[in-house]
């Protein structure tokens, strides 16, 4: 979904029907963590948005929902708390891959 190149759609308006939108939402769940991993494991919401908006036809609401619903990601506010609702994501927030817990088996 994030590999979409709008330059390939010269003169065409890219619209989703409901099935295509659902498929795109599923693809975002895979693509967003990969993109964040390419930037280390953390990125500001502002930098994330600047980096993807020319790369995808996906709607901002779908992108934010995919971030919040993704079990691999968390969105942190400046005080360190976590955002829980997609529509509350702000440009100053930080999106990061969740820390993997380590377990010791003996």
Protein backbone atom coordinates (compact mmCIF):
# COMPACT_ATOMS: atom_id res chain seq x y z
CA UNK A 1 0.00 0.00 0.00
CA UNK A 2 2.83 2.40 0.78
CA UNK A 3 4.57 1.44 -2.44
CA UNK A 4 1.88 3.13 -4.52
CA UNK A 5 3.31 5.70 -6.90
CA UNK A 6 0.81 8.42 -7.87
CA UNK A 7 3.03 9.35 -10.84
CA UNK A 8 1.95 6.06 -12.42
CA UNK A 9 -1.67 7.27 -12.41
CA UNK A 10 -1.22 10.27 -14.72
CA UNK A 11 -4.56 11.91 -15.30
CA UNK A 12 -6.46 9.27 -13.33
CA UNK A 13 -8.28 9.71 -10.07
CA UNK A 14 -7.54 6.84 -7.70
CA UNK A 15 -10.66 5.82 -5.81
CA UNK A 16 -11.29 2.80 -3.60
CA UNK A 17 -14.40 0.71 -3.74
CA UNK A 18 -15.24 -0.90 -0.38
CA UNK A 19 -13.42 -4.18 -1.12
CA UNK A 20 -10.29 -2.37 -2.29
CA UNK A 21 -10.34 -0.11 0.78
CA UNK A 22 -10.53 -3.12 3.10
CA UNK A 23 -7.62 -4.77 1.28
CA UNK A 24 -5.64 -1.53 1.51
CA UNK A 25 -6.27 -1.33 5.28
CA UNK A 26 -4.92 -4.87 5.69
CA UNK A 27 -1.83 -3.99 3.67
CA UNK A 28 -1.21 -0.92 5.86
CA UNK A 29 -0.95 -3.20 8.92
CA UNK A 30 2.05 -4.85 7.24
CA UNK A 31 3.59 -1.82 5.54
CA UNK A 32 3.65 0.68 8.40
CA UNK A 33 5.90 -1.33 10.78
CA UNK A 34 8.30 -2.00 7.89
CA UNK A 35 8.51 1.70 7.12
CA UNK A 36 9.16 2.55 10.77
CA UNK A 37 11.83 -0.15 10.98
CA UNK A 38 13.58 1.46 7.99
CA UNK A 39 13.93 4.60 10.16
CA UNK A 40 15.34 2.72 13.15
CA UNK A 41 12.44 1.78 15.38
CA UNK A 42 10.99 5.20 16.10
CA UNK A 43 9.72 8.18 14.09
CA UNK A 44 7.74 11.31 14.82
CA UNK A 45 4.20 11.31 13.47
CA UNK A 46 5.10 14.43 11.49
CA UNK A 47 8.09 12.79 9.79
CA UNK A 48 6.03 9.66 9.17
CA UNK A 49 3.30 11.67 7.47
CA UNK A 50 5.76 13.71 5.40
CA UNK A 51 7.41 10.51 4.24
CA UNK A 52 4.29 8.63 3.16
CA UNK A 53 1.68 11.04 1.89
CA UNK A 54 3.17 11.16 -1.60
CA UNK A 55 3.59 7.38 -1.54
CA UNK A 56 0.03 6.18 -0.87
CA UNK A 57 -3.55 6.94 -1.82
CA UNK A 58 -4.69 5.68 1.59
CA UNK A 59 -6.83 8.03 3.64
CA UNK A 60 -5.31 9.61 6.77
CA UNK A 61 -8.03 8.07 8.95
CA UNK A 62 -7.20 4.58 7.62
CA UNK A 63 -3.49 5.15 8.23
CA UNK A 64 -4.05 6.35 11.79
CA UNK A 65 -6.41 3.46 12.52
CA UNK A 66 -3.83 0.98 11.19
CA UNK A 67 -1.19 2.52 13.46
CA UNK A 68 -3.37 2.33 16.59
CA UNK A 69 -4.69 -1.18 15.84
CA UNK A 70 -1.30 -2.62 14.97
CA UNK A 71 -0.05 -4.87 17.79
CA UNK A 72 3.56 -4.09 16.82
CA UNK A 73 3.26 -0.30 17.24
CA UNK A 74 2.61 2.28 19.90
CA UNK A 75 2.03 6.02 19.70
CA UNK A 76 3.54 8.06 22.51
CA UNK A 77 2.75 11.63 23.51
CA UNK A 78 5.47 14.02 24.69
CA UNK A 79 4.85 13.22 28.38
CA UNK A 80 5.43 9.51 27.68
CA UNK A 81 1.80 8.41 27.78
CA UNK A 82 0.28 6.32 25.02
CA UNK A 83 -2.38 7.39 22.51
CA UNK A 84 -5.26 4.95 22.29
CA UNK A 85 -7.52 6.54 19.66
CA UNK A 86 -6.64 7.03 16.01
CA UNK A 87 -8.30 10.42 15.63
CA UNK A 88 -6.17 11.90 18.45
CA UNK A 89 -2.74 11.34 16.82
CA UNK A 90 -0.83 14.63 16.61
CA UNK A 91 2.25 15.55 14.57
CA UNK A 92 4.35 15.90 17.75
CA UNK A 93 3.61 12.30 18.80
CA UNK A 94 6.14 9.52 18.39
CA UNK A 95 5.36 6.25 16.63
CA UNK A 96 7.59 3.36 17.57
CA UNK A 97 7.85 -0.38 17.39
CA UNK A 98 6.88 -1.93 20.70
CA UNK A 99 9.72 -3.23 22.77
CA UNK A 100 9.87 -6.99 22.72
CA UNK A 101 9.85 -8.47 26.15
CA UNK A 102 12.54 -10.96 26.93
CA UNK A 103 11.79 -14.16 28.74
CA UNK A 104 14.23 -16.36 30.56
CA UNK A 105 13.48 -20.06 30.34
CA UNK A 106 15.25 -22.28 32.82
